[in-house]
N, C-alpha and C. Protein backbone atom coordinates (compact mmCIF):
# COMPACT_ATOMS: atom_id res chain seq x y z
N UNK A 1 10.43 155.82 12.45
CA UNK A 1 10.28 154.68 11.57
C UNK A 1 11.34 154.67 10.49
N UNK A 2 11.87 153.48 10.21
CA UNK A 2 12.91 153.36 9.19
C UNK A 2 12.30 153.56 7.81
N UNK A 3 13.05 154.29 6.98
CA UNK A 3 12.61 154.47 5.61
C UNK A 3 12.92 153.21 4.81
N UNK A 4 12.33 153.13 3.62
CA UNK A 4 12.56 151.98 2.74
C UNK A 4 14.03 151.87 2.37
N UNK A 5 14.67 153.02 2.13
CA UNK A 5 16.09 153.03 1.77
C UNK A 5 16.95 152.51 2.92
N UNK A 6 16.60 152.91 4.16
CA UNK A 6 17.36 152.46 5.33
C UNK A 6 17.25 150.94 5.49
N UNK A 7 16.03 150.43 5.30
CA UNK A 7 15.82 148.99 5.40
C UNK A 7 16.63 148.23 4.36
N UNK A 8 16.64 148.75 3.13
CA UNK A 8 17.41 148.11 2.06
C UNK A 8 18.90 148.13 2.37
N UNK A 9 19.37 149.27 2.96
CA UNK A 9 20.77 149.38 3.32
C UNK A 9 21.15 148.36 4.39
N UNK A 10 20.30 148.25 5.43
CA UNK A 10 20.55 147.28 6.50
C UNK A 10 20.57 145.86 5.96
N UNK A 11 19.62 145.55 5.08
CA UNK A 11 19.55 144.22 4.48
C UNK A 11 20.81 143.93 3.67
N UNK A 12 21.30 144.93 2.93
CA UNK A 12 22.50 144.77 2.11
C UNK A 12 23.72 144.49 3.00
N UNK A 13 23.83 145.25 4.11
CA UNK A 13 24.96 145.05 5.04
C UNK A 13 24.90 143.66 5.66
N UNK A 14 23.71 143.22 6.04
CA UNK A 14 23.55 141.89 6.64
C UNK A 14 23.97 140.80 5.65
N UNK A 15 23.57 140.97 4.39
CA UNK A 15 23.94 140.00 3.37
C UNK A 15 25.45 139.95 3.16
N UNK A 16 26.09 141.13 3.16
CA UNK A 16 27.53 141.20 2.99
C UNK A 16 28.26 140.53 4.16
N UNK A 17 27.75 140.78 5.38
CA UNK A 17 28.34 140.17 6.57
C UNK A 17 28.19 138.66 6.53
N UNK A 18 26.99 138.21 6.14
CA UNK A 18 26.74 136.77 6.02
C UNK A 18 27.67 136.14 5.01
N UNK A 19 27.85 136.85 3.86
CA UNK A 19 28.74 136.34 2.82
C UNK A 19 30.17 136.27 3.32
N UNK A 20 30.59 137.28 4.11
CA UNK A 20 31.94 137.31 4.66
C UNK A 20 32.18 136.13 5.59
N UNK A 21 31.16 135.81 6.43
CA UNK A 21 31.25 134.67 7.34
C UNK A 21 31.37 133.37 6.55
N UNK A 22 30.58 133.24 5.47
CA UNK A 22 30.61 132.04 4.64
C UNK A 22 32.00 131.83 4.06
N UNK A 23 32.59 132.92 3.49
CA UNK A 23 33.91 132.82 2.87
C UNK A 23 34.94 132.43 3.90
N UNK A 24 34.85 133.02 5.10
CA UNK A 24 35.77 132.69 6.18
C UNK A 24 35.64 131.22 6.56
N UNK A 25 34.38 130.74 6.62
CA UNK A 25 34.13 129.36 6.98
C UNK A 25 34.70 128.41 5.93
N UNK A 26 34.54 128.73 4.65
CA UNK A 26 35.10 127.91 3.58
C UNK A 26 36.61 127.81 3.75
N UNK A 27 37.25 128.94 4.00
CA UNK A 27 38.70 128.98 4.16
C UNK A 27 39.14 128.11 5.33
N UNK A 28 38.47 128.23 6.46
CA UNK A 28 38.82 127.45 7.65
C UNK A 28 38.67 125.95 7.40
N UNK A 29 37.58 125.57 6.72
CA UNK A 29 37.33 124.15 6.44
C UNK A 29 38.41 123.58 5.53
N UNK A 30 38.72 124.28 4.46
CA UNK A 30 39.70 123.75 3.52
C UNK A 30 41.10 123.69 4.13
N UNK A 31 41.43 124.66 4.96
CA UNK A 31 42.72 124.63 5.65
C UNK A 31 42.81 123.45 6.61
N UNK A 32 41.74 123.22 7.37
CA UNK A 32 41.71 122.09 8.32
C UNK A 32 41.76 120.76 7.58
N UNK A 33 41.03 120.64 6.49
CA UNK A 33 41.00 119.39 5.74
C UNK A 33 42.36 119.11 5.09
N UNK A 34 43.06 120.17 4.66
CA UNK A 34 44.40 119.98 4.08
C UNK A 34 45.38 119.48 5.13
N UNK A 35 45.24 120.01 6.35
CA UNK A 35 46.13 119.56 7.44
C UNK A 35 45.92 118.08 7.76
N UNK A 36 44.70 117.61 7.60
CA UNK A 36 44.36 116.23 7.97
C UNK A 36 44.23 115.31 6.76
N UNK A 37 44.69 115.78 5.63
CA UNK A 37 44.54 115.02 4.38
C UNK A 37 45.40 113.76 4.36
N UNK A 38 44.81 112.67 3.88
CA UNK A 38 45.54 111.43 3.61
C UNK A 38 45.20 111.01 2.18
N UNK A 39 46.20 110.55 1.46
CA UNK A 39 46.06 110.26 0.03
C UNK A 39 44.85 109.38 -0.26
N UNK A 40 44.07 109.81 -1.25
CA UNK A 40 42.96 109.00 -1.77
C UNK A 40 43.55 108.07 -2.82
N UNK A 41 43.33 106.75 -2.70
CA UNK A 41 44.02 105.77 -3.56
C UNK A 41 44.05 106.08 -5.05
N UNK A 42 42.94 106.49 -5.63
CA UNK A 42 42.89 106.66 -7.08
C UNK A 42 43.63 107.90 -7.57
N UNK A 43 44.12 108.72 -6.65
CA UNK A 43 44.91 109.88 -7.06
C UNK A 43 46.30 109.49 -7.57
N UNK A 44 46.67 108.23 -7.38
CA UNK A 44 47.99 107.78 -7.85
C UNK A 44 48.11 107.86 -9.36
N UNK A 45 46.97 107.93 -10.06
CA UNK A 45 47.02 107.99 -11.52
C UNK A 45 47.19 109.42 -12.03
N UNK A 46 47.27 110.35 -11.10
CA UNK A 46 47.64 111.72 -11.42
C UNK A 46 46.89 112.33 -12.57
N UNK A 47 47.64 112.88 -13.52
CA UNK A 47 47.05 113.62 -14.64
C UNK A 47 46.90 112.76 -15.89
N UNK A 48 46.97 111.44 -15.75
CA UNK A 48 46.82 110.55 -16.91
C UNK A 48 45.33 110.42 -17.25
N UNK A 49 44.88 111.01 -18.35
CA UNK A 49 43.45 111.01 -18.68
C UNK A 49 42.87 109.60 -18.86
N UNK A 50 43.60 108.73 -19.53
CA UNK A 50 43.12 107.37 -19.76
C UNK A 50 42.92 106.63 -18.44
N UNK A 51 43.94 106.60 -17.61
CA UNK A 51 43.87 105.86 -16.36
C UNK A 51 42.88 106.50 -15.38
N UNK A 52 42.78 107.82 -15.42
CA UNK A 52 41.82 108.50 -14.55
C UNK A 52 40.39 108.15 -14.95
N UNK A 53 40.12 108.19 -16.24
CA UNK A 53 38.77 107.86 -16.73
C UNK A 53 38.40 106.42 -16.39
N UNK A 54 39.27 105.48 -16.73
CA UNK A 54 38.96 104.06 -16.54
C UNK A 54 38.81 103.72 -15.06
N UNK A 55 39.72 104.18 -14.24
CA UNK A 55 39.66 103.87 -12.80
C UNK A 55 38.44 104.51 -12.15
N UNK A 56 38.04 105.68 -12.62
CA UNK A 56 36.87 106.34 -12.06
C UNK A 56 35.59 105.60 -12.45
N UNK A 57 35.53 105.10 -13.66
CA UNK A 57 34.39 104.27 -14.06
C UNK A 57 34.31 103.02 -13.18
N UNK A 58 35.45 102.40 -12.93
CA UNK A 58 35.48 101.19 -12.11
C UNK A 58 35.11 101.47 -10.65
N UNK A 59 35.30 102.70 -10.20
CA UNK A 59 35.14 103.01 -8.77
C UNK A 59 33.69 103.08 -8.31
N UNK A 60 32.76 103.20 -9.24
CA UNK A 60 31.35 103.33 -8.85
C UNK A 60 30.89 102.13 -8.04
N UNK A 61 30.29 102.41 -6.88
CA UNK A 61 29.77 101.38 -5.96
C UNK A 61 30.86 100.38 -5.53
N UNK A 62 32.09 100.85 -5.43
CA UNK A 62 33.21 99.97 -5.08
C UNK A 62 34.18 100.71 -4.17
N UNK A 63 34.72 100.02 -3.18
CA UNK A 63 35.70 100.63 -2.29
C UNK A 63 36.96 100.99 -3.08
N UNK A 64 37.59 102.10 -2.68
CA UNK A 64 38.76 102.59 -3.41
C UNK A 64 39.89 101.58 -3.47
N UNK A 65 40.09 100.84 -2.38
CA UNK A 65 41.19 99.87 -2.35
C UNK A 65 40.98 98.76 -3.38
N UNK A 66 39.75 98.29 -3.50
CA UNK A 66 39.43 97.25 -4.48
C UNK A 66 39.55 97.81 -5.90
N UNK A 67 39.08 99.04 -6.09
CA UNK A 67 39.18 99.70 -7.40
C UNK A 67 40.64 99.85 -7.81
N UNK A 68 41.48 100.25 -6.87
CA UNK A 68 42.90 100.45 -7.18
C UNK A 68 43.55 99.15 -7.63
N UNK A 69 43.30 98.07 -6.91
CA UNK A 69 43.88 96.78 -7.26
C UNK A 69 43.40 96.33 -8.64
N UNK A 70 42.10 96.48 -8.90
CA UNK A 70 41.55 96.09 -10.20
C UNK A 70 42.13 96.95 -11.32
N UNK A 71 42.27 98.23 -11.06
CA UNK A 71 42.81 99.15 -12.07
C UNK A 71 44.25 98.79 -12.40
N UNK A 72 45.04 98.49 -11.40
CA UNK A 72 46.44 98.14 -11.62
C UNK A 72 46.57 96.85 -12.43
N UNK A 73 45.71 95.88 -12.15
CA UNK A 73 45.72 94.64 -12.93
C UNK A 73 45.39 94.92 -14.39
N UNK A 74 44.36 95.76 -14.59
CA UNK A 74 43.93 96.08 -15.95
C UNK A 74 45.00 96.87 -16.69
N UNK A 75 45.59 97.86 -16.04
CA UNK A 75 46.58 98.72 -16.70
C UNK A 75 47.88 97.97 -16.99
N UNK A 76 48.15 96.92 -16.23
CA UNK A 76 49.34 96.11 -16.52
C UNK A 76 49.19 95.42 -17.88
N UNK A 77 47.96 95.09 -18.23
CA UNK A 77 47.67 94.45 -19.52
C UNK A 77 47.31 95.48 -20.59
N UNK A 78 46.67 96.54 -20.17
CA UNK A 78 46.16 97.54 -21.12
C UNK A 78 46.49 98.94 -20.64
N UNK A 79 47.71 99.43 -20.87
CA UNK A 79 48.11 100.75 -20.39
C UNK A 79 47.56 101.91 -21.23
N UNK A 80 46.83 101.61 -22.30
CA UNK A 80 46.25 102.65 -23.14
C UNK A 80 45.02 102.10 -23.87
N UNK A 81 44.31 102.96 -24.58
CA UNK A 81 43.09 102.54 -25.27
C UNK A 81 43.36 101.48 -26.34
N UNK A 82 44.48 101.60 -27.04
CA UNK A 82 44.79 100.63 -28.10
C UNK A 82 44.93 99.22 -27.54
N UNK A 83 45.64 99.12 -26.42
CA UNK A 83 45.81 97.81 -25.78
C UNK A 83 44.50 97.32 -25.18
N UNK A 84 43.70 98.24 -24.64
CA UNK A 84 42.41 97.86 -24.06
C UNK A 84 41.49 97.29 -25.14
N UNK A 85 41.53 97.87 -26.33
CA UNK A 85 40.69 97.39 -27.42
C UNK A 85 41.05 95.96 -27.83
N UNK A 86 42.31 95.58 -27.60
CA UNK A 86 42.77 94.25 -27.99
C UNK A 86 42.31 93.16 -27.02
N UNK A 87 41.86 93.56 -25.84
CA UNK A 87 41.37 92.58 -24.87
C UNK A 87 39.91 92.25 -25.19
N UNK A 88 39.54 90.97 -25.01
CA UNK A 88 38.12 90.66 -25.17
C UNK A 88 37.39 90.93 -23.86
N UNK A 89 36.09 90.96 -23.96
CA UNK A 89 35.27 91.35 -22.79
C UNK A 89 35.46 90.41 -21.62
N UNK A 90 35.60 89.12 -21.89
CA UNK A 90 35.79 88.13 -20.82
C UNK A 90 37.07 88.40 -20.05
N UNK A 91 38.13 88.74 -20.77
CA UNK A 91 39.41 89.01 -20.10
C UNK A 91 39.32 90.27 -19.25
N UNK A 92 38.60 91.27 -19.75
CA UNK A 92 38.41 92.49 -18.96
C UNK A 92 37.65 92.18 -17.68
N UNK A 93 36.62 91.34 -17.80
CA UNK A 93 35.85 90.95 -16.61
C UNK A 93 36.75 90.32 -15.56
N UNK A 94 37.61 89.39 -16.00
CA UNK A 94 38.49 88.69 -15.06
C UNK A 94 39.47 89.66 -14.40
N UNK A 95 39.94 90.63 -15.16
CA UNK A 95 40.93 91.57 -14.63
C UNK A 95 40.33 92.54 -13.62
N UNK A 96 39.08 92.95 -13.83
CA UNK A 96 38.50 93.97 -12.95
C UNK A 96 37.68 93.38 -11.80
N UNK A 97 37.36 92.11 -11.85
CA UNK A 97 36.65 91.46 -10.74
C UNK A 97 37.48 91.61 -9.47
N UNK A 98 36.91 91.95 -8.27
CA UNK A 98 35.48 91.96 -7.94
C UNK A 98 34.87 93.36 -7.80
N UNK A 99 35.19 94.31 -8.67
CA UNK A 99 34.53 95.61 -8.55
C UNK A 99 33.03 95.45 -8.75
N UNK A 100 32.27 96.36 -8.18
CA UNK A 100 30.81 96.28 -8.31
C UNK A 100 30.37 96.38 -9.76
N UNK A 101 29.39 95.56 -10.12
CA UNK A 101 28.84 95.56 -11.48
C UNK A 101 29.94 95.36 -12.53
N UNK A 102 30.86 94.44 -12.24
CA UNK A 102 32.03 94.27 -13.12
C UNK A 102 31.64 93.83 -14.53
N UNK A 103 30.55 93.09 -14.68
CA UNK A 103 30.14 92.65 -16.02
C UNK A 103 29.70 93.84 -16.87
N UNK A 104 28.89 94.71 -16.27
CA UNK A 104 28.43 95.91 -16.98
C UNK A 104 29.60 96.84 -17.29
N UNK A 105 30.49 96.99 -16.33
CA UNK A 105 31.64 97.88 -16.52
C UNK A 105 32.57 97.35 -17.60
N UNK A 106 32.73 96.04 -17.68
CA UNK A 106 33.55 95.45 -18.73
C UNK A 106 32.97 95.78 -20.11
N UNK A 107 31.65 95.72 -20.24
CA UNK A 107 31.00 96.09 -21.50
C UNK A 107 31.25 97.56 -21.84
N UNK A 108 31.14 98.40 -20.83
CA UNK A 108 31.37 99.83 -21.05
C UNK A 108 32.81 100.11 -21.49
N UNK A 109 33.77 99.47 -20.84
CA UNK A 109 35.18 99.69 -21.18
C UNK A 109 35.47 99.21 -22.59
N UNK A 110 34.93 98.06 -22.94
CA UNK A 110 35.13 97.52 -24.29
C UNK A 110 34.52 98.45 -25.32
N UNK A 111 33.36 98.99 -25.02
CA UNK A 111 32.68 99.91 -25.95
C UNK A 111 33.48 101.20 -26.12
N UNK A 112 33.99 101.74 -25.03
CA UNK A 112 34.79 102.97 -25.10
C UNK A 112 36.05 102.73 -25.92
N UNK A 113 36.72 101.63 -25.65
CA UNK A 113 37.96 101.32 -26.37
C UNK A 113 37.71 101.12 -27.86
N UNK A 114 36.50 100.70 -28.22
CA UNK A 114 36.17 100.45 -29.62
C UNK A 114 35.85 101.69 -30.42
N UNK A 115 35.74 102.84 -29.74
CA UNK A 115 35.46 104.08 -30.46
C UNK A 115 36.68 104.46 -31.31
N UNK A 116 36.45 104.91 -32.49
CA UNK A 116 37.54 105.24 -33.40
C UNK A 116 38.31 106.47 -32.89
N UNK A 117 39.64 106.34 -32.87
CA UNK A 117 40.52 107.45 -32.47
C UNK A 117 40.09 108.03 -31.12
N UNK A 118 39.79 107.16 -30.18
CA UNK A 118 39.28 107.63 -28.91
C UNK A 118 40.33 108.43 -28.13
N UNK A 119 39.94 109.58 -27.66
CA UNK A 119 40.72 110.36 -26.72
C UNK A 119 39.76 110.78 -25.62
N UNK A 120 40.29 111.06 -24.45
CA UNK A 120 39.42 111.45 -23.34
C UNK A 120 38.96 112.90 -23.56
N UNK A 121 37.66 113.12 -23.65
CA UNK A 121 37.14 114.49 -23.88
C UNK A 121 37.46 115.42 -22.72
N UNK A 122 37.47 116.72 -23.02
CA UNK A 122 37.76 117.72 -22.00
C UNK A 122 36.54 118.55 -21.63
N UNK A 123 35.36 118.06 -21.99
CA UNK A 123 34.13 118.75 -21.57
C UNK A 123 33.20 117.73 -20.91
N UNK A 124 32.39 118.21 -19.97
CA UNK A 124 31.46 117.34 -19.27
C UNK A 124 30.47 116.70 -20.25
N UNK A 125 29.98 117.51 -21.18
CA UNK A 125 28.99 117.03 -22.12
C UNK A 125 29.53 115.87 -22.96
N UNK A 126 30.75 116.00 -23.46
CA UNK A 126 31.34 114.94 -24.29
C UNK A 126 31.71 113.72 -23.46
N UNK A 127 32.19 113.94 -22.25
CA UNK A 127 32.51 112.81 -21.37
C UNK A 127 31.27 111.98 -21.08
N UNK A 128 30.14 112.66 -20.86
CA UNK A 128 28.91 111.95 -20.51
C UNK A 128 28.29 111.21 -21.69
N UNK A 129 28.83 111.41 -22.86
CA UNK A 129 28.39 110.63 -24.03
C UNK A 129 29.04 109.25 -24.06
N UNK A 130 30.12 109.07 -23.27
CA UNK A 130 30.81 107.79 -23.23
C UNK A 130 30.02 106.78 -22.41
N UNK A 131 30.03 105.50 -22.78
CA UNK A 131 29.31 104.47 -22.00
C UNK A 131 29.81 104.41 -20.57
N UNK A 132 28.87 104.41 -19.62
CA UNK A 132 29.22 104.26 -18.22
C UNK A 132 29.69 105.52 -17.52
N UNK A 133 29.63 106.66 -18.21
CA UNK A 133 30.10 107.91 -17.61
C UNK A 133 28.92 108.81 -17.26
N UNK A 134 28.73 109.04 -15.96
CA UNK A 134 27.70 109.95 -15.49
C UNK A 134 28.31 111.29 -15.11
N UNK A 135 27.51 112.14 -14.53
CA UNK A 135 27.95 113.50 -14.20
C UNK A 135 29.10 113.50 -13.18
N UNK A 136 28.99 112.68 -12.13
CA UNK A 136 30.04 112.66 -11.11
C UNK A 136 31.36 112.20 -11.70
N UNK A 137 31.33 111.13 -12.48
CA UNK A 137 32.55 110.62 -13.12
C UNK A 137 33.14 111.67 -14.04
N UNK A 138 32.30 112.32 -14.83
CA UNK A 138 32.79 113.36 -15.74
C UNK A 138 33.47 114.49 -14.98
N UNK A 139 32.86 114.93 -13.88
CA UNK A 139 33.44 116.01 -13.09
C UNK A 139 34.77 115.61 -12.47
N UNK A 140 34.86 114.37 -12.00
CA UNK A 140 36.12 113.89 -11.43
C UNK A 140 37.23 113.86 -12.47
N UNK A 141 36.91 113.40 -13.66
CA UNK A 141 37.91 113.35 -14.74
C UNK A 141 38.37 114.75 -15.12
N UNK A 142 37.43 115.67 -15.24
CA UNK A 142 37.80 117.05 -15.55
C UNK A 142 38.76 117.60 -14.51
N UNK A 143 38.45 117.35 -13.25
CA UNK A 143 39.27 117.85 -12.15
C UNK A 143 40.63 117.19 -12.10
N UNK A 144 40.64 115.86 -12.03
CA UNK A 144 41.87 115.12 -11.81
C UNK A 144 42.79 115.11 -13.02
N UNK A 145 42.23 114.86 -14.18
CA UNK A 145 43.06 114.68 -15.37
C UNK A 145 43.46 115.99 -16.04
N UNK A 146 42.55 116.97 -16.01
CA UNK A 146 42.79 118.18 -16.78
C UNK A 146 42.88 119.45 -15.94
N UNK A 147 42.62 119.34 -14.64
CA UNK A 147 42.69 120.52 -13.79
C UNK A 147 41.61 121.54 -14.09
N UNK A 148 40.50 121.07 -14.67
CA UNK A 148 39.37 121.95 -14.98
C UNK A 148 38.43 121.98 -13.77
N UNK A 149 38.16 123.16 -13.20
CA UNK A 149 37.31 123.24 -12.00
C UNK A 149 35.94 122.62 -12.22
N UNK A 150 35.60 121.68 -11.35
CA UNK A 150 34.29 121.04 -11.38
C UNK A 150 34.04 120.46 -10.00
N UNK A 151 32.79 120.40 -9.59
CA UNK A 151 32.44 119.86 -8.28
C UNK A 151 31.86 118.47 -8.45
N UNK A 152 32.58 117.48 -7.97
CA UNK A 152 32.11 116.09 -8.03
C UNK A 152 31.60 115.70 -6.65
N UNK A 153 30.33 115.39 -6.57
CA UNK A 153 29.71 115.10 -5.26
C UNK A 153 29.40 113.61 -5.14
N UNK A 154 30.08 112.95 -4.21
CA UNK A 154 29.76 111.56 -3.87
C UNK A 154 29.16 111.54 -2.47
N UNK A 155 29.04 110.36 -1.89
CA UNK A 155 28.42 110.27 -0.55
C UNK A 155 29.23 111.00 0.51
N UNK A 156 30.58 110.99 0.39
CA UNK A 156 31.42 111.68 1.37
C UNK A 156 31.17 113.19 1.32
N UNK A 157 31.25 113.76 0.13
CA UNK A 157 31.04 115.20 -0.04
C UNK A 157 29.64 115.58 0.44
N UNK A 158 28.67 114.77 0.07
CA UNK A 158 27.27 115.04 0.43
C UNK A 158 27.08 115.08 1.95
N UNK A 159 27.55 114.07 2.66
CA UNK A 159 27.29 114.02 4.10
C UNK A 159 28.11 115.05 4.87
N UNK A 160 29.33 115.34 4.42
CA UNK A 160 30.15 116.32 5.13
C UNK A 160 29.60 117.72 4.95
N UNK A 161 29.18 118.06 3.74
CA UNK A 161 28.61 119.40 3.50
C UNK A 161 27.34 119.60 4.31
N UNK A 162 26.55 118.54 4.48
CA UNK A 162 25.37 118.64 5.33
C UNK A 162 25.76 118.77 6.79
N UNK A 163 26.79 118.05 7.21
CA UNK A 163 27.25 118.13 8.60
C UNK A 163 27.79 119.52 8.92
N UNK A 164 28.43 120.16 7.94
CA UNK A 164 28.96 121.50 8.13
C UNK A 164 27.86 122.56 8.14
N UNK A 165 26.69 122.19 7.65
CA UNK A 165 25.60 123.14 7.56
C UNK A 165 25.64 123.99 6.30
N UNK A 166 26.52 123.63 5.37
CA UNK A 166 26.58 124.37 4.11
C UNK A 166 25.33 124.15 3.27
N UNK A 167 24.79 122.94 3.36
CA UNK A 167 23.58 122.60 2.61
C UNK A 167 22.65 121.80 3.52
N UNK A 168 21.41 121.75 3.12
CA UNK A 168 20.43 120.86 3.76
C UNK A 168 19.74 120.12 2.63
N UNK A 169 20.38 119.05 2.19
CA UNK A 169 19.92 118.34 1.00
C UNK A 169 19.78 116.85 1.28
N UNK A 170 19.03 116.19 0.42
CA UNK A 170 18.77 114.76 0.60
C UNK A 170 19.56 113.89 -0.37
N UNK A 171 20.05 114.47 -1.45
CA UNK A 171 20.77 113.67 -2.45
C UNK A 171 22.04 114.38 -2.88
N UNK A 172 23.04 113.63 -3.37
CA UNK A 172 24.26 114.25 -3.91
C UNK A 172 23.96 115.21 -5.06
N UNK A 173 22.96 114.89 -5.86
CA UNK A 173 22.61 115.76 -6.99
C UNK A 173 22.16 117.13 -6.50
N UNK A 174 21.33 117.13 -5.44
CA UNK A 174 20.88 118.40 -4.86
C UNK A 174 22.05 119.17 -4.26
N UNK A 175 22.96 118.41 -3.64
CA UNK A 175 24.14 119.04 -3.02
C UNK A 175 25.01 119.72 -4.05
N UNK A 176 25.23 119.05 -5.18
CA UNK A 176 26.07 119.66 -6.23
C UNK A 176 25.48 120.98 -6.71
N UNK A 177 24.19 121.00 -6.96
CA UNK A 177 23.54 122.22 -7.45
C UNK A 177 23.70 123.37 -6.45
N UNK A 178 23.57 123.04 -5.16
CA UNK A 178 23.71 124.06 -4.13
C UNK A 178 25.16 124.54 -4.01
N UNK A 179 26.10 123.62 -4.03
CA UNK A 179 27.51 123.98 -3.87
C UNK A 179 28.01 124.85 -5.01
N UNK A 180 27.53 124.59 -6.22
CA UNK A 180 27.93 125.40 -7.37
C UNK A 180 27.57 126.87 -7.13
N UNK A 181 26.48 127.10 -6.42
CA UNK A 181 26.01 128.46 -6.15
C UNK A 181 26.78 129.14 -5.02
N UNK A 182 27.24 128.37 -4.02
CA UNK A 182 27.79 129.01 -2.82
C UNK A 182 29.30 128.88 -2.66
N UNK A 183 29.93 127.90 -3.30
CA UNK A 183 31.37 127.71 -3.11
C UNK A 183 32.15 128.51 -4.15
N UNK A 184 33.05 129.41 -3.71
CA UNK A 184 33.89 130.13 -4.67
C UNK A 184 34.68 129.15 -5.56
N UNK A 185 34.83 129.49 -6.81
CA UNK A 185 35.40 128.57 -7.79
C UNK A 185 36.84 128.15 -7.46
N UNK A 186 37.55 128.99 -6.72
CA UNK A 186 38.94 128.65 -6.39
C UNK A 186 39.03 127.40 -5.51
N UNK A 187 37.93 127.04 -4.85
CA UNK A 187 37.93 125.87 -3.98
C UNK A 187 37.52 124.59 -4.71
N UNK A 188 36.96 124.72 -5.89
CA UNK A 188 36.41 123.55 -6.58
C UNK A 188 37.43 122.43 -6.84
N UNK A 189 38.65 122.75 -7.31
CA UNK A 189 39.60 121.67 -7.64
C UNK A 189 39.95 120.76 -6.46
N UNK A 190 39.96 121.31 -5.24
CA UNK A 190 40.37 120.53 -4.06
C UNK A 190 39.20 119.90 -3.31
N UNK A 191 38.00 120.30 -3.63
CA UNK A 191 36.86 119.91 -2.81
C UNK A 191 36.69 118.39 -2.71
N UNK A 192 36.62 117.72 -3.84
CA UNK A 192 36.34 116.28 -3.81
C UNK A 192 37.44 115.50 -3.10
N UNK A 193 38.69 115.73 -3.47
CA UNK A 193 39.77 114.92 -2.89
C UNK A 193 39.91 115.15 -1.39
N UNK A 194 39.75 116.39 -0.93
CA UNK A 194 39.85 116.67 0.50
C UNK A 194 38.69 116.08 1.28
N UNK A 195 37.48 116.25 0.76
CA UNK A 195 36.30 115.76 1.46
C UNK A 195 36.24 114.24 1.44
N UNK A 196 36.66 113.63 0.35
CA UNK A 196 36.70 112.16 0.29
C UNK A 196 37.72 111.62 1.29
N UNK A 197 38.86 112.29 1.38
CA UNK A 197 39.88 111.85 2.33
C UNK A 197 39.36 111.91 3.76
N UNK A 198 38.72 113.00 4.12
CA UNK A 198 38.16 113.13 5.47
C UNK A 198 37.04 112.13 5.68
N UNK A 199 36.19 111.96 4.69
CA UNK A 199 35.08 111.00 4.80
C UNK A 199 35.55 109.57 4.99
N UNK A 200 36.66 109.23 4.34
CA UNK A 200 37.22 107.88 4.48
C UNK A 200 37.80 107.67 5.89
N UNK A 201 38.28 108.74 6.50
CA UNK A 201 38.88 108.63 7.84
C UNK A 201 37.82 108.61 8.94
N UNK A 202 36.74 109.36 8.73
CA UNK A 202 35.70 109.49 9.76
C UNK A 202 34.40 108.97 9.16
N UNK A 203 34.21 107.68 9.29
CA UNK A 203 33.16 106.99 8.53
C UNK A 203 31.78 107.01 9.18
N UNK A 204 31.70 107.39 10.45
CA UNK A 204 30.39 107.44 11.11
C UNK A 204 30.03 108.90 11.41
N UNK A 205 28.76 109.14 11.64
CA UNK A 205 28.29 110.49 11.95
C UNK A 205 28.95 111.01 13.22
N UNK A 206 29.06 110.14 14.24
CA UNK A 206 29.65 110.56 15.52
C UNK A 206 31.12 110.95 15.35
N UNK A 207 31.88 110.12 14.63
CA UNK A 207 33.31 110.39 14.43
C UNK A 207 33.51 111.67 13.62
N UNK A 208 32.69 111.85 12.61
CA UNK A 208 32.81 113.03 11.77
C UNK A 208 32.50 114.29 12.57
N UNK A 209 31.43 114.26 13.35
CA UNK A 209 31.06 115.43 14.14
C UNK A 209 32.13 115.75 15.19
N UNK A 210 32.73 114.73 15.79
CA UNK A 210 33.80 114.94 16.77
C UNK A 210 34.99 115.63 16.11
N UNK A 211 35.34 115.17 14.91
CA UNK A 211 36.45 115.78 14.17
C UNK A 211 36.15 117.24 13.85
N UNK A 212 34.96 117.50 13.34
CA UNK A 212 34.59 118.87 12.97
C UNK A 212 34.56 119.79 14.19
N UNK A 213 34.10 119.27 15.32
CA UNK A 213 34.07 120.06 16.56
C UNK A 213 35.49 120.31 17.07
N UNK A 214 36.34 119.31 17.02
CA UNK A 214 37.73 119.47 17.45
C UNK A 214 38.46 120.53 16.61
N UNK A 215 38.11 120.59 15.35
CA UNK A 215 38.71 121.58 14.45
C UNK A 215 37.99 122.93 14.50
N UNK A 216 36.96 123.01 15.37
CA UNK A 216 36.17 124.24 15.54
C UNK A 216 35.51 124.67 14.22
N UNK A 217 34.98 123.69 13.51
CA UNK A 217 34.30 123.95 12.25
C UNK A 217 32.79 123.93 12.37
N UNK A 218 32.29 123.35 13.48
CA UNK A 218 30.86 123.39 13.78
C UNK A 218 30.67 123.70 15.26
């Protein structure tokens, strides 16, 4: 009969092996996704905190292509917070239409621009104090604008992580909590942009599974 110490040792080895497989799987997935990466439209704003924040707010419930066009129209008139504050709400509405919930978003943008000495915060907590900024938007801004590791989970990240078997979750919020625990931090900066790119290319469950199987990821 195995002693208690032997059982604990076996359990420890199994956990280490499991962890090793997980790390290997993460590496394989990120390498495959990088090979198949295609630019996500909103990445054109690079490390500009103002444009990253505003375009990300506009992107909620809106296709990236529509968001990009609306953002470019707005930035042509308002390339910074000072210029944005000079626009009235009606003009902002016209510039950002037809993004989803454009009336509400126009109010949020006007409110943000009206804050005294506004600068884009570098913490999730402070970002989420801004009108129209939720956790996902805050995480995206931290990642894209400042290079601060954060996991931003949208529908693409949520469904792909479930397809890979990394998580078994029902909502993006549940997925984020799980990923924070299992994904090594070195992968966080690339996670959203790579997974969104793949999700945009393989929009159905069948197409996504075919891609993952072809890449020997599932």
